[in-house]
N, C-alpha and C. Protein backbone atom coordinates (compact mmCIF):
# COMPACT_ATOMS: atom_id res chain seq x y z
N UNK A 1 154.40 86.42 73.91
CA UNK A 1 154.44 86.16 75.36
C UNK A 1 153.52 87.14 76.11
N UNK A 2 153.62 88.43 75.70
CA UNK A 2 152.80 89.46 76.36
C UNK A 2 151.31 89.18 76.12
N UNK A 3 150.99 88.74 74.87
CA UNK A 3 149.61 88.45 74.53
C UNK A 3 149.09 87.30 75.37
N UNK A 4 149.89 86.27 75.55
CA UNK A 4 149.51 85.11 76.36
C UNK A 4 149.27 85.54 77.81
N UNK A 5 150.13 86.43 78.31
CA UNK A 5 150.00 86.92 79.68
C UNK A 5 148.69 87.68 79.87
N UNK A 6 148.35 88.53 78.86
CA UNK A 6 147.11 89.30 78.94
C UNK A 6 145.89 88.38 78.95
N UNK A 7 145.93 87.34 78.12
CA UNK A 7 144.82 86.38 78.08
C UNK A 7 144.68 85.68 79.43
N UNK A 8 145.83 85.33 80.02
CA UNK A 8 145.81 84.67 81.32
C UNK A 8 145.20 85.55 82.39
N UNK A 9 145.55 86.84 82.37
CA UNK A 9 145.01 87.79 83.35
C UNK A 9 143.51 87.95 83.15
N UNK A 10 143.07 88.02 81.89
CA UNK A 10 141.65 88.17 81.57
C UNK A 10 140.86 86.98 82.08
N UNK A 11 141.36 85.79 81.85
CA UNK A 11 140.69 84.58 82.32
C UNK A 11 140.58 84.59 83.84
N UNK A 12 141.65 85.03 84.52
CA UNK A 12 141.64 85.10 85.98
C UNK A 12 140.58 86.08 86.48
N UNK A 13 140.51 87.26 85.83
CA UNK A 13 139.53 88.27 86.24
C UNK A 13 138.11 87.77 86.01
N UNK A 14 137.88 87.07 84.90
CA UNK A 14 136.55 86.55 84.62
C UNK A 14 136.14 85.48 85.61
N UNK A 15 137.11 84.79 86.19
CA UNK A 15 136.79 83.70 87.10
C UNK A 15 136.56 84.17 88.52
N UNK A 16 136.92 85.42 88.84
CA UNK A 16 136.80 85.91 90.22
C UNK A 16 135.36 85.87 90.73
N UNK A 17 134.34 86.42 89.96
CA UNK A 17 132.97 86.34 90.47
C UNK A 17 132.51 84.92 90.76
N UNK A 18 132.90 83.98 89.88
CA UNK A 18 132.53 82.58 90.08
C UNK A 18 133.16 82.03 91.34
N UNK A 19 134.43 82.38 91.56
CA UNK A 19 135.12 81.91 92.76
C UNK A 19 134.49 82.49 94.02
N UNK A 20 134.11 83.78 93.96
CA UNK A 20 133.48 84.42 95.12
C UNK A 20 132.15 83.77 95.42
N UNK A 21 131.36 83.50 94.37
CA UNK A 21 130.07 82.85 94.56
C UNK A 21 130.25 81.46 95.15
N UNK A 22 131.25 80.73 94.65
CA UNK A 22 131.51 79.39 95.17
C UNK A 22 131.87 79.43 96.65
N UNK A 23 132.67 80.45 97.04
CA UNK A 23 133.04 80.59 98.44
C UNK A 23 131.82 80.87 99.30
N UNK A 24 130.90 81.75 98.79
CA UNK A 24 129.71 82.08 99.56
C UNK A 24 128.81 80.87 99.70
N UNK A 25 128.61 80.14 98.60
CA UNK A 25 127.79 78.93 98.64
C UNK A 25 128.38 77.94 99.63
N UNK A 26 129.68 77.77 99.59
CA UNK A 26 130.34 76.84 100.49
C UNK A 26 130.16 77.28 101.94
N UNK A 27 130.28 78.58 102.19
CA UNK A 27 130.15 79.11 103.54
C UNK A 27 128.75 78.90 104.08
N UNK A 28 127.74 79.08 103.23
CA UNK A 28 126.34 78.95 103.65
C UNK A 28 125.78 77.54 103.40
N UNK A 29 126.59 76.66 102.89
CA UNK A 29 126.19 75.26 102.75
C UNK A 29 125.43 74.95 101.47
N UNK A 30 125.51 73.71 101.06
CA UNK A 30 124.75 73.25 99.90
C UNK A 30 123.28 73.08 100.29
N UNK A 31 122.41 73.26 99.32
CA UNK A 31 120.98 73.14 99.60
C UNK A 31 120.55 71.68 99.76
N UNK A 32 121.26 70.80 99.07
CA UNK A 32 120.91 69.38 99.13
C UNK A 32 122.07 68.59 99.71
N UNK A 33 121.73 67.54 100.42
CA UNK A 33 122.77 66.70 101.00
C UNK A 33 122.15 65.54 101.74
N UNK A 34 122.96 64.56 102.12
CA UNK A 34 122.43 63.37 102.80
C UNK A 34 121.83 63.67 104.17
N UNK A 35 122.22 64.80 104.79
CA UNK A 35 121.70 65.13 106.11
C UNK A 35 120.58 66.17 106.06
N UNK A 36 120.05 66.45 104.85
CA UNK A 36 119.00 67.46 104.69
C UNK A 36 117.70 66.78 104.28
N UNK A 37 116.63 67.05 105.00
CA UNK A 37 115.30 66.57 104.63
C UNK A 37 114.73 67.59 103.64
N UNK A 38 114.54 67.16 102.41
CA UNK A 38 114.11 68.11 101.38
C UNK A 38 115.27 68.42 100.44
N UNK A 39 115.41 69.68 99.99
CA UNK A 39 114.58 70.83 100.37
C UNK A 39 113.28 70.91 99.57
N UNK A 40 112.28 71.53 100.23
CA UNK A 40 110.97 71.69 99.64
C UNK A 40 110.62 73.17 99.52
N UNK A 41 109.79 73.47 98.54
CA UNK A 41 109.42 74.85 98.25
C UNK A 41 108.20 75.25 99.08
N UNK A 42 108.36 76.24 99.94
CA UNK A 42 107.26 76.69 100.80
C UNK A 42 106.12 77.29 99.98
N UNK A 43 106.43 77.83 98.80
CA UNK A 43 105.37 78.37 97.94
C UNK A 43 104.43 77.27 97.47
N UNK A 44 104.92 76.04 97.48
CA UNK A 44 104.13 74.89 97.06
C UNK A 44 103.64 74.08 98.26
N UNK A 45 103.54 74.75 99.41
CA UNK A 45 103.27 74.05 100.67
C UNK A 45 101.94 73.30 100.70
N UNK A 46 100.94 73.80 99.97
CA UNK A 46 99.63 73.14 100.00
C UNK A 46 99.67 71.78 99.30
N UNK A 47 100.61 71.62 98.40
CA UNK A 47 100.80 70.32 97.75
C UNK A 47 101.85 69.47 98.46
N UNK A 48 102.46 70.05 99.49
CA UNK A 48 103.50 69.34 100.24
C UNK A 48 103.10 69.20 101.71
N UNK A 49 101.80 69.09 101.94
CA UNK A 49 101.27 69.12 103.31
C UNK A 49 101.90 68.04 104.20
N UNK A 50 102.08 66.86 103.68
CA UNK A 50 102.66 65.78 104.48
C UNK A 50 104.05 66.17 104.98
N UNK A 51 104.90 66.66 104.07
CA UNK A 51 106.26 67.04 104.44
C UNK A 51 106.27 68.25 105.37
N UNK A 52 105.41 69.22 105.10
CA UNK A 52 105.36 70.42 105.93
C UNK A 52 104.89 70.08 107.34
N UNK A 53 103.85 69.27 107.45
CA UNK A 53 103.34 68.87 108.77
C UNK A 53 104.39 68.11 109.55
N UNK A 54 105.12 67.25 108.85
CA UNK A 54 106.16 66.45 109.49
C UNK A 54 107.22 67.35 110.11
N UNK A 55 107.62 68.38 109.37
CA UNK A 55 108.66 69.31 109.84
C UNK A 55 108.11 70.22 110.94
N UNK A 56 106.94 70.81 110.69
CA UNK A 56 106.42 71.81 111.63
C UNK A 56 105.97 71.20 112.96
N UNK A 57 105.46 69.99 112.95
CA UNK A 57 105.01 69.35 114.19
C UNK A 57 106.15 69.23 115.19
N UNK A 58 107.34 68.96 114.70
CA UNK A 58 108.50 68.78 115.58
C UNK A 58 109.35 70.04 115.72
N UNK A 59 109.46 70.83 114.65
CA UNK A 59 110.47 71.89 114.63
C UNK A 59 109.94 73.31 114.41
N UNK A 60 108.61 73.46 114.31
CA UNK A 60 108.08 74.81 114.17
C UNK A 60 106.73 74.92 114.87
N UNK A 61 106.75 74.67 116.16
CA UNK A 61 105.55 74.80 116.97
C UNK A 61 105.27 76.28 117.24
N UNK A 62 104.11 76.55 117.84
CA UNK A 62 103.76 77.94 118.17
C UNK A 62 104.78 78.55 119.13
N UNK A 63 105.29 77.74 120.06
CA UNK A 63 106.29 78.26 121.02
C UNK A 63 107.60 78.61 120.33
N UNK A 64 107.96 77.86 119.31
CA UNK A 64 109.18 78.18 118.55
C UNK A 64 108.95 79.46 117.76
N UNK A 65 107.81 79.55 117.07
CA UNK A 65 107.52 80.73 116.25
C UNK A 65 107.47 81.99 117.11
N UNK A 66 106.99 81.87 118.33
CA UNK A 66 106.90 83.02 119.24
C UNK A 66 108.14 83.18 120.12
N UNK A 67 109.19 82.41 119.81
CA UNK A 67 110.49 82.51 120.48
C UNK A 67 110.41 82.26 121.98
N UNK A 68 109.54 81.34 122.37
CA UNK A 68 109.40 80.99 123.79
C UNK A 68 110.41 79.93 124.18
N UNK A 69 110.41 78.82 123.45
CA UNK A 69 111.37 77.74 123.70
C UNK A 69 111.37 76.78 122.52
N UNK A 70 112.47 76.03 122.41
CA UNK A 70 112.57 75.03 121.35
C UNK A 70 111.78 73.79 121.71
N UNK A 71 111.62 72.90 120.74
CA UNK A 71 110.88 71.66 120.98
C UNK A 71 111.80 70.45 121.05
N UNK A 72 112.81 70.42 120.18
CA UNK A 72 113.75 69.30 120.19
C UNK A 72 115.12 69.72 120.71
N UNK A 73 115.25 70.99 121.05
CA UNK A 73 116.52 71.54 121.53
C UNK A 73 116.36 73.04 121.67
N UNK A 74 117.29 73.80 121.10
CA UNK A 74 117.20 75.25 121.16
C UNK A 74 116.22 75.76 120.11
N UNK A 75 115.75 76.99 120.30
CA UNK A 75 114.90 77.63 119.29
C UNK A 75 115.66 77.71 117.96
N UNK A 76 116.92 78.13 118.04
CA UNK A 76 117.74 78.24 116.84
C UNK A 76 117.89 76.91 116.12
N UNK A 77 118.06 75.85 116.88
CA UNK A 77 118.23 74.53 116.28
C UNK A 77 116.98 74.09 115.52
N UNK A 78 115.82 74.32 116.13
CA UNK A 78 114.58 73.94 115.45
C UNK A 78 114.31 74.81 114.23
N UNK A 79 114.59 76.11 114.33
CA UNK A 79 114.42 76.98 113.17
C UNK A 79 115.37 76.57 112.05
N UNK A 80 116.59 76.22 112.43
CA UNK A 80 117.58 75.79 111.44
C UNK A 80 117.08 74.55 110.70
N UNK A 81 116.56 73.58 111.43
CA UNK A 81 116.06 72.36 110.78
C UNK A 81 114.92 72.70 109.82
N UNK A 82 114.00 73.55 110.27
CA UNK A 82 112.87 73.94 109.43
C UNK A 82 113.34 74.59 108.14
N UNK A 83 114.35 75.46 108.26
CA UNK A 83 114.82 76.21 107.09
C UNK A 83 115.77 75.40 106.20
N UNK A 84 116.32 74.34 106.71
CA UNK A 84 117.06 73.43 105.84
C UNK A 84 116.08 72.62 105.00
N UNK A 85 114.95 72.24 105.61
CA UNK A 85 113.95 71.45 104.90
C UNK A 85 113.13 72.31 103.94
N UNK A 86 112.75 73.51 104.39
CA UNK A 86 111.99 74.47 103.58
C UNK A 86 112.74 75.79 103.59
N UNK A 87 113.73 75.96 102.70
CA UNK A 87 114.60 77.15 102.77
C UNK A 87 113.86 78.48 102.71
N UNK A 88 112.72 78.52 102.01
CA UNK A 88 111.98 79.78 101.89
C UNK A 88 110.71 79.78 102.76
N UNK A 89 110.76 79.10 103.88
CA UNK A 89 109.63 79.08 104.83
C UNK A 89 109.48 80.48 105.42
N UNK A 90 108.46 81.21 104.98
CA UNK A 90 108.32 82.63 105.33
C UNK A 90 108.23 82.87 106.82
N UNK A 91 107.40 82.12 107.50
CA UNK A 91 107.20 82.35 108.93
C UNK A 91 108.46 81.98 109.73
N UNK A 92 109.16 80.95 109.31
CA UNK A 92 110.39 80.57 110.00
C UNK A 92 111.48 81.62 109.79
N UNK A 93 111.56 82.17 108.59
CA UNK A 93 112.53 83.24 108.33
C UNK A 93 112.21 84.48 109.17
N UNK A 94 110.92 84.79 109.30
CA UNK A 94 110.51 85.93 110.12
C UNK A 94 110.88 85.69 111.58
N UNK A 95 110.63 84.48 112.06
CA UNK A 95 110.98 84.15 113.44
C UNK A 95 112.48 84.21 113.66
N UNK A 96 113.25 83.72 112.69
CA UNK A 96 114.71 83.76 112.80
C UNK A 96 115.21 85.20 112.87
N UNK A 97 114.66 86.06 112.01
CA UNK A 97 115.05 87.48 112.02
C UNK A 97 114.76 88.09 113.39
N UNK A 98 113.59 87.81 113.94
CA UNK A 98 113.21 88.35 115.26
C UNK A 98 114.13 87.81 116.35
N UNK A 99 114.48 86.53 116.27
CA UNK A 99 115.38 85.93 117.25
C UNK A 99 116.75 86.59 117.22
N UNK A 100 117.27 86.78 116.02
CA UNK A 100 118.59 87.38 115.85
C UNK A 100 118.61 88.82 116.38
N UNK A 101 117.52 89.57 116.09
CA UNK A 101 117.44 90.95 116.57
C UNK A 101 117.26 90.99 118.08
N UNK A 102 116.39 90.13 118.60
CA UNK A 102 116.14 90.11 120.03
C UNK A 102 117.40 89.78 120.83
N UNK A 103 118.13 88.78 120.35
CA UNK A 103 119.31 88.32 121.09
C UNK A 103 120.59 89.06 120.69
N UNK A 104 120.43 90.01 119.73
CA UNK A 104 121.57 90.83 119.30
C UNK A 104 122.76 89.99 118.85
N UNK A 105 122.47 88.99 118.04
CA UNK A 105 123.53 88.14 117.51
C UNK A 105 123.15 87.63 116.14
N UNK A 106 124.14 87.48 115.27
CA UNK A 106 123.89 86.92 113.95
C UNK A 106 123.97 85.40 113.95
N UNK A 107 124.27 84.83 115.12
CA UNK A 107 124.41 83.37 115.19
C UNK A 107 123.84 82.86 116.52
N UNK A 108 122.50 82.91 116.67
CA UNK A 108 121.88 82.39 117.90
C UNK A 108 122.24 80.92 118.11
N UNK A 109 122.27 80.46 119.35
CA UNK A 109 122.60 79.06 119.64
C UNK A 109 121.72 78.08 118.85
N UNK A 110 122.37 77.07 118.31
CA UNK A 110 121.66 76.03 117.59
C UNK A 110 121.64 76.21 116.08
N UNK A 111 121.91 77.42 115.60
CA UNK A 111 121.93 77.64 114.15
C UNK A 111 123.14 76.98 113.52
N UNK A 112 122.94 76.36 112.38
CA UNK A 112 124.06 75.75 111.66
C UNK A 112 124.89 76.81 110.96
N UNK A 113 124.21 77.89 110.51
CA UNK A 113 124.87 78.99 109.79
C UNK A 113 124.45 80.32 110.41
N UNK A 114 125.17 81.41 110.12
CA UNK A 114 124.73 82.73 110.56
C UNK A 114 123.36 83.09 109.95
N UNK A 115 122.66 83.99 110.58
CA UNK A 115 121.30 84.35 110.16
C UNK A 115 121.21 84.70 108.68
N UNK A 116 122.11 85.56 108.19
CA UNK A 116 122.01 86.00 106.80
C UNK A 116 122.19 84.85 105.82
N UNK A 117 122.85 83.78 106.24
CA UNK A 117 123.01 82.62 105.36
C UNK A 117 121.67 81.99 105.03
N UNK A 118 120.74 82.01 105.98
CA UNK A 118 119.44 81.38 105.72
C UNK A 118 118.66 82.17 104.67
N UNK A 119 118.87 83.49 104.64
CA UNK A 119 118.26 84.29 103.59
C UNK A 119 118.96 84.04 102.26
N UNK A 120 120.28 83.94 102.29
CA UNK A 120 121.04 83.65 101.08
C UNK A 120 120.61 82.30 100.50
N UNK A 121 120.40 81.32 101.37
CA UNK A 121 119.98 79.99 100.92
C UNK A 121 118.57 80.04 100.34
N UNK A 122 117.69 80.81 100.99
CA UNK A 122 116.31 80.93 100.50
C UNK A 122 116.28 81.56 99.11
N UNK A 123 117.10 82.59 98.92
CA UNK A 123 117.16 83.27 97.62
C UNK A 123 117.79 82.36 96.58
N UNK A 124 118.82 81.64 96.97
CA UNK A 124 119.45 80.70 96.04
C UNK A 124 118.46 79.61 95.63
N UNK A 125 117.64 79.20 96.56
CA UNK A 125 116.67 78.13 96.32
C UNK A 125 115.50 78.62 95.47
N UNK A 126 115.01 79.84 95.77
CA UNK A 126 113.83 80.37 95.08
C UNK A 126 114.00 81.87 94.91
N UNK A 127 114.74 82.26 93.88
CA UNK A 127 115.11 83.67 93.71
C UNK A 127 113.92 84.57 93.39
N UNK A 128 112.81 83.99 92.94
CA UNK A 128 111.65 84.81 92.57
C UNK A 128 110.59 84.85 93.67
N UNK A 129 110.96 84.47 94.89
CA UNK A 129 110.03 84.54 96.01
C UNK A 129 110.09 85.94 96.62
N UNK A 130 109.11 86.76 96.29
CA UNK A 130 109.10 88.15 96.74
C UNK A 130 108.95 88.30 98.24
N UNK A 131 108.26 87.36 98.89
CA UNK A 131 108.07 87.44 100.34
C UNK A 131 109.41 87.29 101.06
N UNK A 132 110.25 86.39 100.58
CA UNK A 132 111.59 86.22 101.16
C UNK A 132 112.36 87.53 101.08
N UNK A 133 112.31 88.17 99.91
CA UNK A 133 113.02 89.44 99.73
C UNK A 133 112.49 90.50 100.70
N UNK A 134 111.17 90.53 100.91
CA UNK A 134 110.58 91.51 101.81
C UNK A 134 111.03 91.26 103.25
N UNK A 135 111.00 90.02 103.69
CA UNK A 135 111.42 89.69 105.05
C UNK A 135 112.89 90.02 105.24
N UNK A 136 113.70 89.68 104.25
CA UNK A 136 115.14 89.96 104.32
C UNK A 136 115.38 91.47 104.38
N UNK A 137 114.64 92.22 103.56
CA UNK A 137 114.78 93.67 103.58
C UNK A 137 114.44 94.25 104.94
N UNK A 138 113.39 93.73 105.56
CA UNK A 138 113.02 94.19 106.90
C UNK A 138 114.10 93.89 107.92
N UNK A 139 114.68 92.69 107.82
CA UNK A 139 115.76 92.31 108.74
C UNK A 139 116.98 93.22 108.56
N UNK A 140 117.38 93.44 107.30
CA UNK A 140 118.54 94.28 107.03
C UNK A 140 118.32 95.70 107.53
N UNK A 141 117.11 96.18 107.40
CA UNK A 141 116.78 97.52 107.90
C UNK A 141 116.95 97.60 109.41
N UNK A 142 116.49 96.56 110.10
CA UNK A 142 116.55 96.56 111.57
C UNK A 142 117.99 96.45 112.09
N UNK A 143 118.89 95.85 111.32
CA UNK A 143 120.27 95.70 111.80
C UNK A 143 121.19 96.79 111.24
N UNK A 144 120.58 97.85 110.70
CA UNK A 144 121.37 99.00 110.28
C UNK A 144 122.05 98.88 108.94
N UNK A 145 121.41 98.18 108.00
CA UNK A 145 121.96 98.07 106.64
C UNK A 145 120.91 98.58 105.65
N UNK A 146 120.62 99.90 105.67
CA UNK A 146 119.52 100.43 104.85
C UNK A 146 119.72 100.26 103.35
N UNK A 147 120.94 100.41 102.86
CA UNK A 147 121.16 100.29 101.42
C UNK A 147 120.89 98.87 100.93
N UNK A 148 121.33 97.89 101.69
CA UNK A 148 121.07 96.50 101.33
C UNK A 148 119.59 96.18 101.48
N UNK A 149 118.96 96.80 102.48
CA UNK A 149 117.52 96.60 102.68
C UNK A 149 116.74 97.13 101.47
N UNK A 150 117.11 98.31 101.01
CA UNK A 150 116.46 98.90 99.84
C UNK A 150 116.63 97.99 98.62
N UNK A 151 117.82 97.45 98.46
CA UNK A 151 118.07 96.57 97.32
C UNK A 151 117.12 95.37 97.32
N UNK A 152 116.94 94.76 98.50
CA UNK A 152 116.06 93.59 98.60
C UNK A 152 114.59 93.98 98.42
N UNK A 153 114.19 95.11 98.98
CA UNK A 153 112.79 95.54 98.87
C UNK A 153 112.45 95.99 97.45
N UNK A 154 113.42 96.57 96.75
CA UNK A 154 113.19 96.92 95.35
C UNK A 154 112.91 95.66 94.53
N UNK A 155 113.65 94.61 94.81
CA UNK A 155 113.41 93.33 94.13
C UNK A 155 112.03 92.80 94.51
N UNK A 156 111.68 92.94 95.79
CA UNK A 156 110.39 92.45 96.28
C UNK A 156 109.23 93.10 95.53
N UNK A 157 109.29 94.42 95.35
CA UNK A 157 108.16 95.09 94.69
C UNK A 157 108.15 94.83 93.18
N UNK A 158 109.30 94.51 92.61
CA UNK A 158 109.32 94.12 91.20
C UNK A 158 108.67 92.75 91.03
N UNK A 159 108.96 91.86 91.97
CA UNK A 159 108.38 90.51 91.92
C UNK A 159 106.91 90.52 92.29
N UNK A 160 106.55 91.40 93.22
CA UNK A 160 105.17 91.47 93.69
C UNK A 160 104.71 92.93 93.76
N UNK A 161 104.32 93.52 92.63
CA UNK A 161 103.93 94.92 92.62
C UNK A 161 102.75 95.25 93.51
N UNK A 162 101.96 94.24 93.88
CA UNK A 162 100.79 94.46 94.73
C UNK A 162 101.07 94.17 96.21
N UNK A 163 102.35 94.12 96.58
CA UNK A 163 102.73 93.86 97.97
C UNK A 163 102.78 95.20 98.72
N UNK A 164 101.69 95.54 99.41
CA UNK A 164 101.58 96.83 100.08
C UNK A 164 102.64 97.01 101.16
N UNK A 165 102.93 95.95 101.91
CA UNK A 165 103.90 96.04 103.00
C UNK A 165 105.30 96.35 102.48
N UNK A 166 105.68 95.72 101.37
CA UNK A 166 106.99 95.98 100.77
C UNK A 166 107.09 97.43 100.30
N UNK A 167 106.05 97.93 99.67
CA UNK A 167 106.03 99.34 99.23
C UNK A 167 106.15 100.27 100.44
N UNK A 168 105.41 99.98 101.48
CA UNK A 168 105.42 100.83 102.67
C UNK A 168 106.80 100.88 103.31
N UNK A 169 107.40 99.70 103.51
CA UNK A 169 108.73 99.65 104.14
C UNK A 169 109.79 100.31 103.28
N UNK A 170 109.66 100.16 101.97
CA UNK A 170 110.59 100.81 101.04
C UNK A 170 110.42 102.33 101.11
N UNK A 171 109.18 102.77 101.22
CA UNK A 171 108.91 104.20 101.37
C UNK A 171 109.53 104.77 102.62
N UNK A 172 109.47 104.02 103.71
CA UNK A 172 110.08 104.47 104.97
C UNK A 172 111.60 104.61 104.83
N UNK A 173 112.22 103.65 104.17
CA UNK A 173 113.67 103.69 103.99
C UNK A 173 114.08 104.87 103.11
N UNK A 174 113.34 105.11 102.04
CA UNK A 174 113.66 106.26 101.18
C UNK A 174 113.41 107.57 101.93
N UNK A 175 112.41 107.60 102.80
CA UNK A 175 112.16 108.82 103.60
C UNK A 175 113.36 109.10 104.49
N UNK A 176 113.87 108.06 105.14
CA UNK A 176 115.04 108.23 106.02
C UNK A 176 116.25 108.73 105.25
N UNK A 177 116.33 108.38 103.96
CA UNK A 177 117.44 108.85 103.12
C UNK A 177 117.14 110.22 102.50
N UNK A 178 115.97 110.79 102.86
CA UNK A 178 115.52 112.09 102.34
C UNK A 178 115.28 112.07 100.82
N UNK A 179 115.03 110.89 100.29
CA UNK A 179 114.64 110.77 98.89
C UNK A 179 113.10 110.79 98.87
N UNK A 180 112.56 111.98 99.01
CA UNK A 180 111.13 112.12 99.22
C UNK A 180 110.31 111.73 97.99
N UNK A 181 110.88 111.89 96.80
CA UNK A 181 110.18 111.51 95.58
C UNK A 181 109.87 110.01 95.56
N UNK A 182 110.90 109.21 95.81
CA UNK A 182 110.70 107.76 95.82
C UNK A 182 109.87 107.33 97.02
N UNK A 183 110.06 108.03 98.14
CA UNK A 183 109.29 107.71 99.34
C UNK A 183 107.80 107.90 99.07
N UNK A 184 107.45 109.03 98.47
CA UNK A 184 106.03 109.29 98.17
C UNK A 184 105.49 108.31 97.14
N UNK A 185 106.30 107.98 96.14
CA UNK A 185 105.85 107.04 95.11
C UNK A 185 105.45 105.71 95.73
N UNK A 186 106.30 105.19 96.63
CA UNK A 186 105.99 103.90 97.25
C UNK A 186 104.88 104.04 98.29
N UNK A 187 104.80 105.21 98.93
CA UNK A 187 103.69 105.44 99.86
C UNK A 187 102.36 105.41 99.11
N UNK A 188 102.31 106.07 97.97
CA UNK A 188 101.07 106.09 97.18
C UNK A 188 100.69 104.68 96.73
N UNK A 189 101.70 103.90 96.36
CA UNK A 189 101.42 102.50 95.98
C UNK A 189 100.87 101.72 97.15
N UNK A 190 101.48 101.90 98.33
CA UNK A 190 101.05 101.18 99.52
C UNK A 190 99.61 101.53 99.88
N UNK A 191 99.28 102.82 99.87
CA UNK A 191 97.94 103.23 100.27
C UNK A 191 96.90 102.92 99.21
N UNK A 192 97.29 102.91 97.96
CA UNK A 192 96.38 102.46 96.90
C UNK A 192 96.02 101.00 97.10
N UNK A 193 96.98 100.24 97.68
CA UNK A 193 96.76 98.82 97.96
C UNK A 193 96.17 98.61 99.35
N UNK A 194 95.66 99.71 99.96
CA UNK A 194 94.94 99.66 101.24
C UNK A 194 95.83 99.32 102.44
N UNK A 195 97.08 99.75 102.42
CA UNK A 195 97.91 99.55 103.61
C UNK A 195 97.31 100.37 104.75
N UNK A 196 97.15 99.78 105.94
CA UNK A 196 96.35 100.42 106.99
C UNK A 196 97.07 101.47 107.85
N UNK A 197 98.39 101.41 107.95
CA UNK A 197 99.08 102.31 108.89
C UNK A 197 99.36 103.67 108.25
N UNK A 198 99.05 104.77 108.95
CA UNK A 198 99.22 106.10 108.38
C UNK A 198 100.60 106.72 108.58
N UNK A 199 101.50 105.99 109.25
CA UNK A 199 102.78 106.56 109.65
C UNK A 199 103.58 107.22 108.54
N UNK A 200 103.74 106.53 107.42
CA UNK A 200 104.54 107.08 106.33
C UNK A 200 103.88 108.32 105.74
N UNK A 201 102.59 108.26 105.55
CA UNK A 201 101.87 109.43 105.03
C UNK A 201 102.03 110.62 105.97
N UNK A 202 101.94 110.38 107.28
CA UNK A 202 102.11 111.46 108.26
C UNK A 202 103.51 112.05 108.21
N UNK A 203 104.51 111.18 108.05
CA UNK A 203 105.89 111.66 107.93
C UNK A 203 106.04 112.58 106.72
N UNK A 204 105.48 112.16 105.61
CA UNK A 204 105.57 112.95 104.38
C UNK A 204 104.80 114.26 104.51
N UNK A 205 103.66 114.20 105.17
CA UNK A 205 102.88 115.44 105.41
C UNK A 205 103.68 116.42 106.26
N UNK A 206 104.26 115.91 107.35
CA UNK A 206 105.02 116.77 108.25
C UNK A 206 106.25 117.38 107.57
N UNK A 207 106.76 116.67 106.56
CA UNK A 207 107.92 117.18 105.82
C UNK A 207 107.49 118.06 104.65
N UNK A 208 106.17 118.23 104.48
CA UNK A 208 105.66 119.03 103.38
C UNK A 208 105.82 118.36 102.03
N UNK A 209 105.83 117.02 102.01
CA UNK A 209 106.07 116.28 100.78
C UNK A 209 104.86 115.45 100.35
N UNK A 210 103.71 115.68 100.98
CA UNK A 210 102.51 114.90 100.62
C UNK A 210 101.47 115.82 100.01
């Protein structure tokens, strides 16, 4: 009886991560469904020009990208439609992050899900898209989640070792944590890749770490 009980407990513990993942997926929605156009891979956008043009003409105009006004409704609504159709649409994710930060809310009007859900969906859709990880890391940094930001940016530089911006932003975060060794390492990578801004190097110089 005791052995059976232990096996039952073990099975329950093993199922917890799966249950948690299922809850998160359910909360952030399925990627495919009868009310979703797509989803399409933004990394393959040059071969999906017809679908991308169809979405962007209506739901990702210059005014939407610059957070001026929506085209078919709210800015959030148009961004939401774009990101349901192209979950890893880099420019739309960047615009969404800026909108959320500007309006100081994780759920701007018109969004179907909270802001972080769109990043979760993008990663679920295309986990090896380093640009998504970089944008997400930048967003997490701006909303005061440095440890989570570092986690995403570390993945970004593993996926794209030649991404100067990801190295630079990661270096800034490590500098703020006073981990000067890692900060300098990523700074050197960024500047070797010709990153133009001297800010991180100046910070390290002023701290006597360059």
